[in-house]
Amino acid sequence: MAFETIMPLIERINLKKEQLDSFRPLPTYALRSLQKSLRTEFSHHSTAIEGNTLTLSETRLVLEDGLTVKGKLLKEHFEVHNHEEALAYVESLAKKNAALHANQLHEIHSTLLQKIEKEFSGRYRNMGVRITGANFTPPNALKVPDLIDNLLQEVESIRSTVHPVVCAAYFHHRFVWIHPYFDGNGRTARLATALLLMQSGYPPAFILVQDRKRYYAALNAANSGNYEPFIRMMLQATERSLDLYLAVLEDRTDDFLPLQQLVEDPEVPYGADYLGLMARRGKLAAYKDGKTWYSSKSAVKAYINSRERVRKLL
């Protein structure tokens, strides 16, 4: 796959991955803190994409303090608990660094649906399904086992030649397209994608609920053969996780500021809306927390310098 428009983003991620590797073995105290924080975030955003109404702070109360939230469904509590447990299982698989296989997907799916839809957990669907808002119809249920096996074999065969994030994004889309289960396909896909990334030495990356519409639009574009929007989205999610890890490891958590604050610098010739657009396009190193984009002075300066280099070439 050749995507010239996202090469600057890939190059930036490669550099940050090298920076992360320079800290290995990662300090236990930092790793434990990061994993705890990201595990809660991941569980919140992945379940919220599917309609769970627990906020991030409520999810934190449920997972970290063992509390129940008044007015929220018991099912919603089970969903975040199940997701956290499934993510812990994925983390244990990542340490083994073995090829992903169908039984592991079934285990992830089974854990996600325990106490919710146990009858269908860990089992391929045996009937056709239609997906509201999607521009495709999933394949015949009889084809699902072979399609999943073929996908896993294909992913394993290209992992040594395709960028890890691109490979993970490709798997994610094809898995969702096959839609092997009656329910829980999105959550399973996002966890399995994180597993592929962790096996390649990356932190777990995940889509934010605020980007839900963009996420589904990118998947629909991939259904039509245009993978660039979805790969860009996964690259940005990966960069966000890398930035969070590096900020803690380099003790520079104060470097990241809201774009609105960064543009107050008289040397920054752009407004917050423009930099936000560049962040969404992957041209500015930034990450999103809630509805706010964060970046650093050095990242904005690097973007300004890149624009100046382009102008000199014209």
Protein backbone atom coordinates (compact mmCIF):
# COMPACT_ATOMS: atom_id res chain seq x y z
CA MET A 1 0.00 0.00 0.00
CA ALA A 2 1.42 3.39 -0.97
CA PHE A 3 0.05 6.50 0.71
CA GLU A 4 2.34 9.46 -0.01
CA THR A 5 0.04 11.89 1.82
CA ILE A 6 0.56 10.17 5.18
CA MET A 7 4.30 9.54 4.88
CA PRO A 8 5.21 12.57 7.08
CA LEU A 9 2.97 11.14 9.80
CA ILE A 10 4.54 7.69 9.45
CA GLU A 11 8.04 9.19 9.62
CA ARG A 12 7.10 11.14 12.75
CA ILE A 13 5.72 8.00 14.39
CA ASN A 14 8.86 6.04 13.48
CA LEU A 15 10.97 8.68 15.21
CA LYS A 16 8.82 8.62 18.33
CA LYS A 17 8.90 4.82 18.36
CA GLU A 18 12.73 5.02 18.31
CA GLN A 19 12.58 7.47 21.22
CA LEU A 20 10.33 5.08 23.15
CA ASP A 21 12.66 2.16 22.43
CA SER A 22 15.58 4.15 23.84
CA PHE A 23 13.92 3.93 27.27
CA ARG A 24 13.62 0.15 27.22
CA PRO A 25 13.33 -1.65 29.49
CA LEU A 26 10.59 0.79 30.51
CA PRO A 27 10.66 1.76 34.20
CA THR A 28 8.14 -0.34 36.12
CA TYR A 29 6.65 2.62 38.01
CA ALA A 30 6.00 4.58 34.81
CA LEU A 31 4.67 1.59 32.90
CA ARG A 32 2.25 0.65 35.67
CA SER A 33 0.87 4.18 35.87
CA LEU A 34 0.52 4.52 32.10
CA GLN A 35 -1.15 1.15 31.67
CA LYS A 36 -3.66 1.89 34.41
CA SER A 37 -4.57 5.25 32.90
CA LEU A 38 -4.79 4.01 29.31
CA ARG A 39 -6.71 0.89 30.33
CA THR A 40 -9.45 3.05 31.84
CA GLU A 41 -9.46 5.42 28.86
CA PHE A 42 -9.54 2.59 26.35
CA SER A 43 -12.43 0.87 28.13
CA HIS A 44 -14.40 4.11 28.28
CA HIS A 45 -13.93 5.18 24.67
CA SER A 46 -14.37 1.76 23.07
CA THR A 47 -17.63 1.04 24.91
CA ALA A 48 -18.88 4.62 24.47
CA ILE A 49 -18.46 4.29 20.69
CA GLU A 50 -21.03 1.48 20.92
CA GLY A 51 -23.47 3.57 22.97
CA ASN A 52 -22.37 3.13 26.60
CA THR A 53 -23.33 6.36 28.44
CA LEU A 54 -20.81 6.21 31.30
CA THR A 55 -18.53 9.25 31.20
CA LEU A 56 -14.76 8.88 31.56
CA SER A 57 -14.90 10.00 35.20
CA GLU A 58 -17.77 7.57 35.88
CA THR A 59 -15.84 4.77 34.17
CA ARG A 60 -12.90 5.56 36.42
CA LEU A 61 -15.15 5.29 39.50
CA VAL A 62 -16.50 1.93 38.30
CA LEU A 63 -13.14 0.41 37.39
CA GLU A 64 -10.77 1.93 39.92
CA ASP A 65 -13.03 2.39 42.95
CA GLY A 66 -15.52 -0.43 42.38
CA LEU A 67 -18.50 1.88 42.64
CA THR A 68 -21.82 1.80 40.78
CA VAL A 69 -23.20 4.94 39.17
CA LYS A 70 -26.78 5.87 39.96
CA GLY A 71 -29.03 6.09 36.93
CA LYS A 72 -26.78 3.98 34.70
CA LEU A 73 -27.71 0.52 33.44
CA LEU A 74 -26.13 -2.55 35.04
CA LYS A 75 -25.24 -3.65 31.50
CA GLU A 76 -23.12 -0.51 31.06
CA HIS A 77 -21.17 -1.35 34.22
CA PHE A 78 -20.60 -4.90 32.94
CA GLU A 79 -19.44 -3.55 29.55
CA VAL A 80 -16.58 -1.48 31.00
CA HIS A 81 -15.62 -4.21 33.49
CA ASN A 82 -15.58 -6.78 30.69
CA HIS A 83 -13.53 -4.52 28.44
CA GLU A 84 -10.93 -3.93 31.13
CA GLU A 85 -10.67 -7.68 31.69
CA ALA A 86 -10.39 -8.34 27.95
CA LEU A 87 -7.67 -5.70 27.68
CA ALA A 88 -5.73 -7.37 30.50
CA TYR A 89 -5.97 -10.63 28.51
CA VAL A 90 -4.71 -8.84 25.39
CA GLU A 91 -1.77 -7.44 27.36
CA SER A 92 -0.88 -10.97 28.48
CA LEU A 93 -0.98 -12.16 24.86
CA ALA A 94 1.25 -9.28 23.77
CA LYS A 95 3.99 -10.50 26.11
CA LYS A 96 3.99 -13.90 24.38
CA ASN A 97 4.36 -12.32 20.93
CA ALA A 98 2.72 -15.29 19.21
CA ALA A 99 0.76 -15.13 15.97
CA LEU A 100 -2.85 -14.03 16.44
CA HIS A 101 -5.31 -16.89 15.90
CA ALA A 102 -9.07 -17.43 15.93
CA ASN A 103 -9.22 -18.95 19.42
CA GLN A 104 -7.74 -15.76 20.85
CA LEU A 105 -10.33 -13.67 19.03
CA HIS A 106 -13.05 -15.92 20.50
CA GLU A 107 -11.59 -15.45 23.98
CA ILE A 108 -11.49 -11.66 23.60
CA HIS A 109 -15.08 -11.67 22.34
CA SER A 110 -16.26 -14.06 25.05
CA THR A 111 -14.75 -11.87 27.77
CA LEU A 112 -16.37 -8.75 26.31
CA LEU A 113 -19.85 -10.32 26.38
CA GLN A 114 -19.71 -12.24 29.66
CA LYS A 115 -22.75 -11.52 31.88
CA ILE A 116 -24.32 -9.64 28.92
CA GLU A 117 -24.91 -12.00 25.99
CA LYS A 118 -23.30 -15.24 27.12
CA GLU A 119 -25.28 -17.28 24.59
CA PHE A 120 -23.43 -15.67 21.68
CA SER A 121 -20.07 -14.97 23.31
CA GLY A 122 -17.04 -16.44 21.60
CA ARG A 123 -19.10 -17.95 18.79
CA TYR A 124 -19.26 -16.98 15.14
CA ARG A 125 -22.65 -15.82 13.92
CA ASN A 126 -24.73 -18.43 12.10
CA MET A 127 -27.08 -16.05 10.30
CA GLY A 128 -26.86 -13.01 8.04
CA VAL A 129 -26.78 -9.50 9.54
CA ARG A 130 -27.29 -5.96 8.34
CA ILE A 131 -25.48 -2.97 9.82
CA THR A 132 -27.31 0.34 10.18
CA GLY A 133 -25.44 3.20 8.50
CA ALA A 134 -22.89 0.97 6.75
CA ASN A 135 -22.41 0.95 2.97
CA PHE A 136 -22.02 -2.84 2.75
CA THR A 137 -23.64 -6.12 3.73
CA PRO A 138 -21.40 -8.54 5.68
CA PRO A 139 -20.62 -11.84 3.94
CA ASN A 140 -22.64 -15.01 4.31
CA ALA A 141 -22.26 -16.58 7.77
CA LEU A 142 -21.04 -19.85 6.25
CA LYS A 143 -17.99 -18.03 4.87
CA VAL A 144 -16.98 -16.41 8.18
CA PRO A 145 -14.60 -19.10 9.57
CA ASP A 146 -12.59 -19.31 6.34
CA LEU A 147 -12.56 -15.52 5.90
CA ILE A 148 -11.18 -15.02 9.41
CA ASP A 149 -8.56 -17.74 8.98
CA ASN A 150 -7.50 -16.23 5.65
CA LEU A 151 -7.32 -12.75 7.19
CA LEU A 152 -5.13 -13.95 10.06
CA GLN A 153 -2.81 -15.76 7.63
CA GLU A 154 -2.61 -12.69 5.42
CA VAL A 155 -1.80 -10.39 8.33
CA GLU A 156 0.91 -12.74 9.56
CA SER A 157 2.45 -12.90 6.08
CA ILE A 158 2.62 -9.11 5.60
CA ARG A 159 3.72 -8.09 9.12
CA SER A 160 7.40 -8.17 8.20
CA THR A 161 6.99 -5.96 5.13
CA VAL A 162 4.16 -3.55 5.99
CA HIS A 163 4.37 -0.80 8.62
CA PRO A 164 2.87 -2.16 11.88
CA VAL A 165 0.22 0.56 12.15
CA VAL A 166 -0.81 0.11 8.51
CA CYS A 167 -0.99 -3.66 9.02
CA ALA A 168 -3.09 -3.24 12.18
CA ALA A 169 -5.43 -0.80 10.43
CA TYR A 170 -5.88 -3.22 7.53
CA PHE A 171 -6.73 -6.05 9.93
CA HIS A 172 -9.17 -3.80 11.81
CA HIS A 173 -11.12 -2.90 8.70
CA ARG A 174 -11.24 -6.41 7.25
CA PHE A 175 -12.35 -7.87 10.59
CA VAL A 176 -15.19 -5.36 10.89
CA TRP A 177 -16.14 -6.01 7.26
CA ILE A 178 -16.34 -9.79 7.87
CA HIS A 179 -18.39 -9.02 11.01
CA PRO A 180 -17.85 -12.52 12.44
CA TYR A 181 -20.06 -12.15 15.52
CA PHE A 182 -23.63 -11.04 16.10
CA ASP A 183 -22.47 -8.30 18.50
CA GLY A 184 -19.22 -6.95 19.91
CA ASN A 185 -17.35 -6.86 16.60
CA GLY A 186 -16.13 -3.29 16.99
CA ARG A 187 -14.84 -3.79 20.53
CA THR A 188 -13.16 -7.06 19.52
CA ALA A 189 -11.58 -5.41 16.47
CA ARG A 190 -10.22 -2.51 18.52
CA LEU A 191 -8.71 -4.83 21.12
CA ALA A 192 -7.18 -7.17 18.53
CA THR A 193 -5.77 -4.13 16.71
CA ALA A 194 -4.19 -2.95 19.95
CA LEU A 195 -2.70 -6.44 20.38
CA LEU A 196 -1.04 -6.29 16.95
CA LEU A 197 0.42 -2.89 17.81
CA MET A 198 1.69 -4.00 21.22
CA GLN A 199 3.32 -7.04 19.67
CA SER A 200 5.29 -4.59 17.50
CA GLY A 201 6.40 -2.57 20.53
CA TYR A 202 3.81 0.20 20.37
CA PRO A 203 1.54 1.33 23.20
CA PRO A 204 -2.13 0.36 22.81
CA ALA A 205 -3.86 2.85 20.51
CA PHE A 206 -7.59 3.47 20.41
CA ILE A 207 -10.21 5.69 18.80
CA LEU A 208 -11.81 8.42 20.92
CA VAL A 209 -15.60 8.50 21.19
CA GLN A 210 -15.51 12.13 20.05
CA ASP A 211 -14.26 10.83 16.69
CA ARG A 212 -17.02 8.24 16.34
CA LYS A 213 -18.57 9.72 13.18
CA ARG A 214 -15.17 10.13 11.56
CA TYR A 215 -14.28 6.56 12.54
CA TYR A 216 -17.34 5.08 10.85
CA ALA A 217 -16.91 7.32 7.81
CA ALA A 218 -13.30 6.15 7.46
CA LEU A 219 -14.37 2.49 7.69
CA ASN A 220 -17.01 3.10 5.03
CA ALA A 221 -14.35 4.71 2.80
CA ALA A 222 -12.19 1.60 3.24
CA ASN A 223 -15.16 -0.54 2.20
CA SER A 224 -14.97 1.29 -1.13
CA GLY A 225 -11.21 0.70 -1.42
CA ASN A 226 -9.99 4.02 0.00
CA TYR A 227 -7.91 3.05 3.05
CA GLU A 228 -6.13 6.37 3.47
CA PRO A 229 -8.63 8.03 5.91
CA PHE A 230 -8.73 5.02 8.22
CA ILE A 231 -4.98 4.43 8.19
CA ARG A 232 -4.47 8.13 8.93
CA MET A 233 -6.86 7.81 11.86
CA MET A 234 -5.01 4.80 13.29
CA LEU A 235 -1.68 6.57 12.84
CA GLN A 236 -3.00 9.55 14.78
CA ALA A 237 -4.32 7.30 17.54
CA THR A 238 -0.90 5.61 17.73
CA GLU A 239 0.90 8.94 17.85
CA ARG A 240 -1.34 10.05 20.71
CA SER A 241 -0.39 6.98 22.76
CA LEU A 242 3.30 7.44 21.92
CA ASP A 243 3.13 11.09 23.00
CA LEU A 244 1.51 10.14 26.31
CA TYR A 245 4.21 7.53 27.00
CA LEU A 246 7.07 9.83 26.01
CA ALA A 247 5.69 12.74 28.03
CA VAL A 248 5.84 10.63 31.19
CA LEU A 249 9.16 8.94 30.43
CA GLU A 250 10.85 12.22 29.51
CA ASP A 251 9.15 14.02 32.42
CA ARG A 252 7.72 16.67 30.13
CA THR A 253 3.99 16.37 30.77
CA ASP A 254 3.80 20.17 31.05
CA ASP A 255 5.00 20.57 27.44
CA PHE A 256 1.59 19.73 26.00
CA LEU A 257 -0.80 22.66 25.92
CA PRO A 258 -4.21 23.31 24.32
CA LEU A 259 -3.89 24.75 20.82
CA GLN A 260 -5.76 27.86 21.96
CA GLN A 261 -2.97 28.52 24.44
CA LEU A 262 -0.16 27.78 21.98
CA VAL A 263 -1.43 30.31 19.40
CA GLU A 264 -1.11 33.08 21.98
CA ASP A 265 2.63 32.99 21.23
CA PRO A 266 3.32 35.95 18.87
CA GLU A 267 5.71 33.76 16.87
CA VAL A 268 2.85 31.42 15.89
CA PRO A 269 1.27 32.83 12.70
CA TYR A 270 -1.76 30.52 12.80
CA GLY A 271 -5.03 30.33 14.68
CA ALA A 272 -6.23 27.43 16.82
CA ASP A 273 -8.80 26.33 14.22
CA TYR A 274 -6.15 26.06 11.51
CA LEU A 275 -3.76 24.11 13.74
CA GLY A 276 -6.64 21.84 14.74
CA LEU A 277 -7.25 21.11 11.06
CA MET A 278 -3.56 20.32 10.56
CA ALA A 279 -3.68 18.04 13.62
CA ARG A 280 -6.65 16.13 12.17
CA ARG A 281 -4.77 15.77 8.88
CA GLY A 282 -1.71 14.43 10.70
CA LYS A 283 0.53 17.33 9.68
CA LEU A 284 0.96 18.61 13.23
CA ALA A 285 2.10 16.35 16.06
CA ALA A 286 -0.82 16.56 18.48
CA TYR A 287 -3.24 14.44 20.43
CA LYS A 288 -6.87 14.83 21.37
CA ASP A 289 -8.26 14.65 24.89
CA GLY A 290 -12.01 15.07 25.02
CA LYS A 291 -12.82 17.77 22.48
CA THR A 292 -9.51 19.58 22.89
CA TRP A 293 -6.39 19.16 20.76
CA TYR A 294 -3.06 19.37 22.58
CA SER A 295 0.35 19.98 21.06
CA SER A 296 3.73 21.36 22.12
CA LYS A 297 5.74 24.45 21.23
CA SER A 298 8.39 22.29 19.59
CA ALA A 299 5.78 20.51 17.45
CA VAL A 300 4.23 23.80 16.31
CA LYS A 301 7.70 25.17 15.53
CA ALA A 302 8.50 22.03 13.51
CA TYR A 303 5.28 22.52 11.52
CA ILE A 304 6.10 26.21 10.88
CA ASN A 305 9.59 25.25 9.67
CA SER A 306 8.16 22.59 7.36
CA ARG A 307 5.83 25.18 5.81
CA GLU A 308 8.75 27.57 5.32
CA ARG A 309 10.76 24.83 3.58
CA VAL A 310 7.86 24.16 1.22
CA ARG A 311 7.55 27.87 0.37
CA LYS A 312 11.26 28.08 -0.46
CA LEU A 313 10.91 25.17 -2.88
CA LEU A 314 8.01 26.78 -4.73
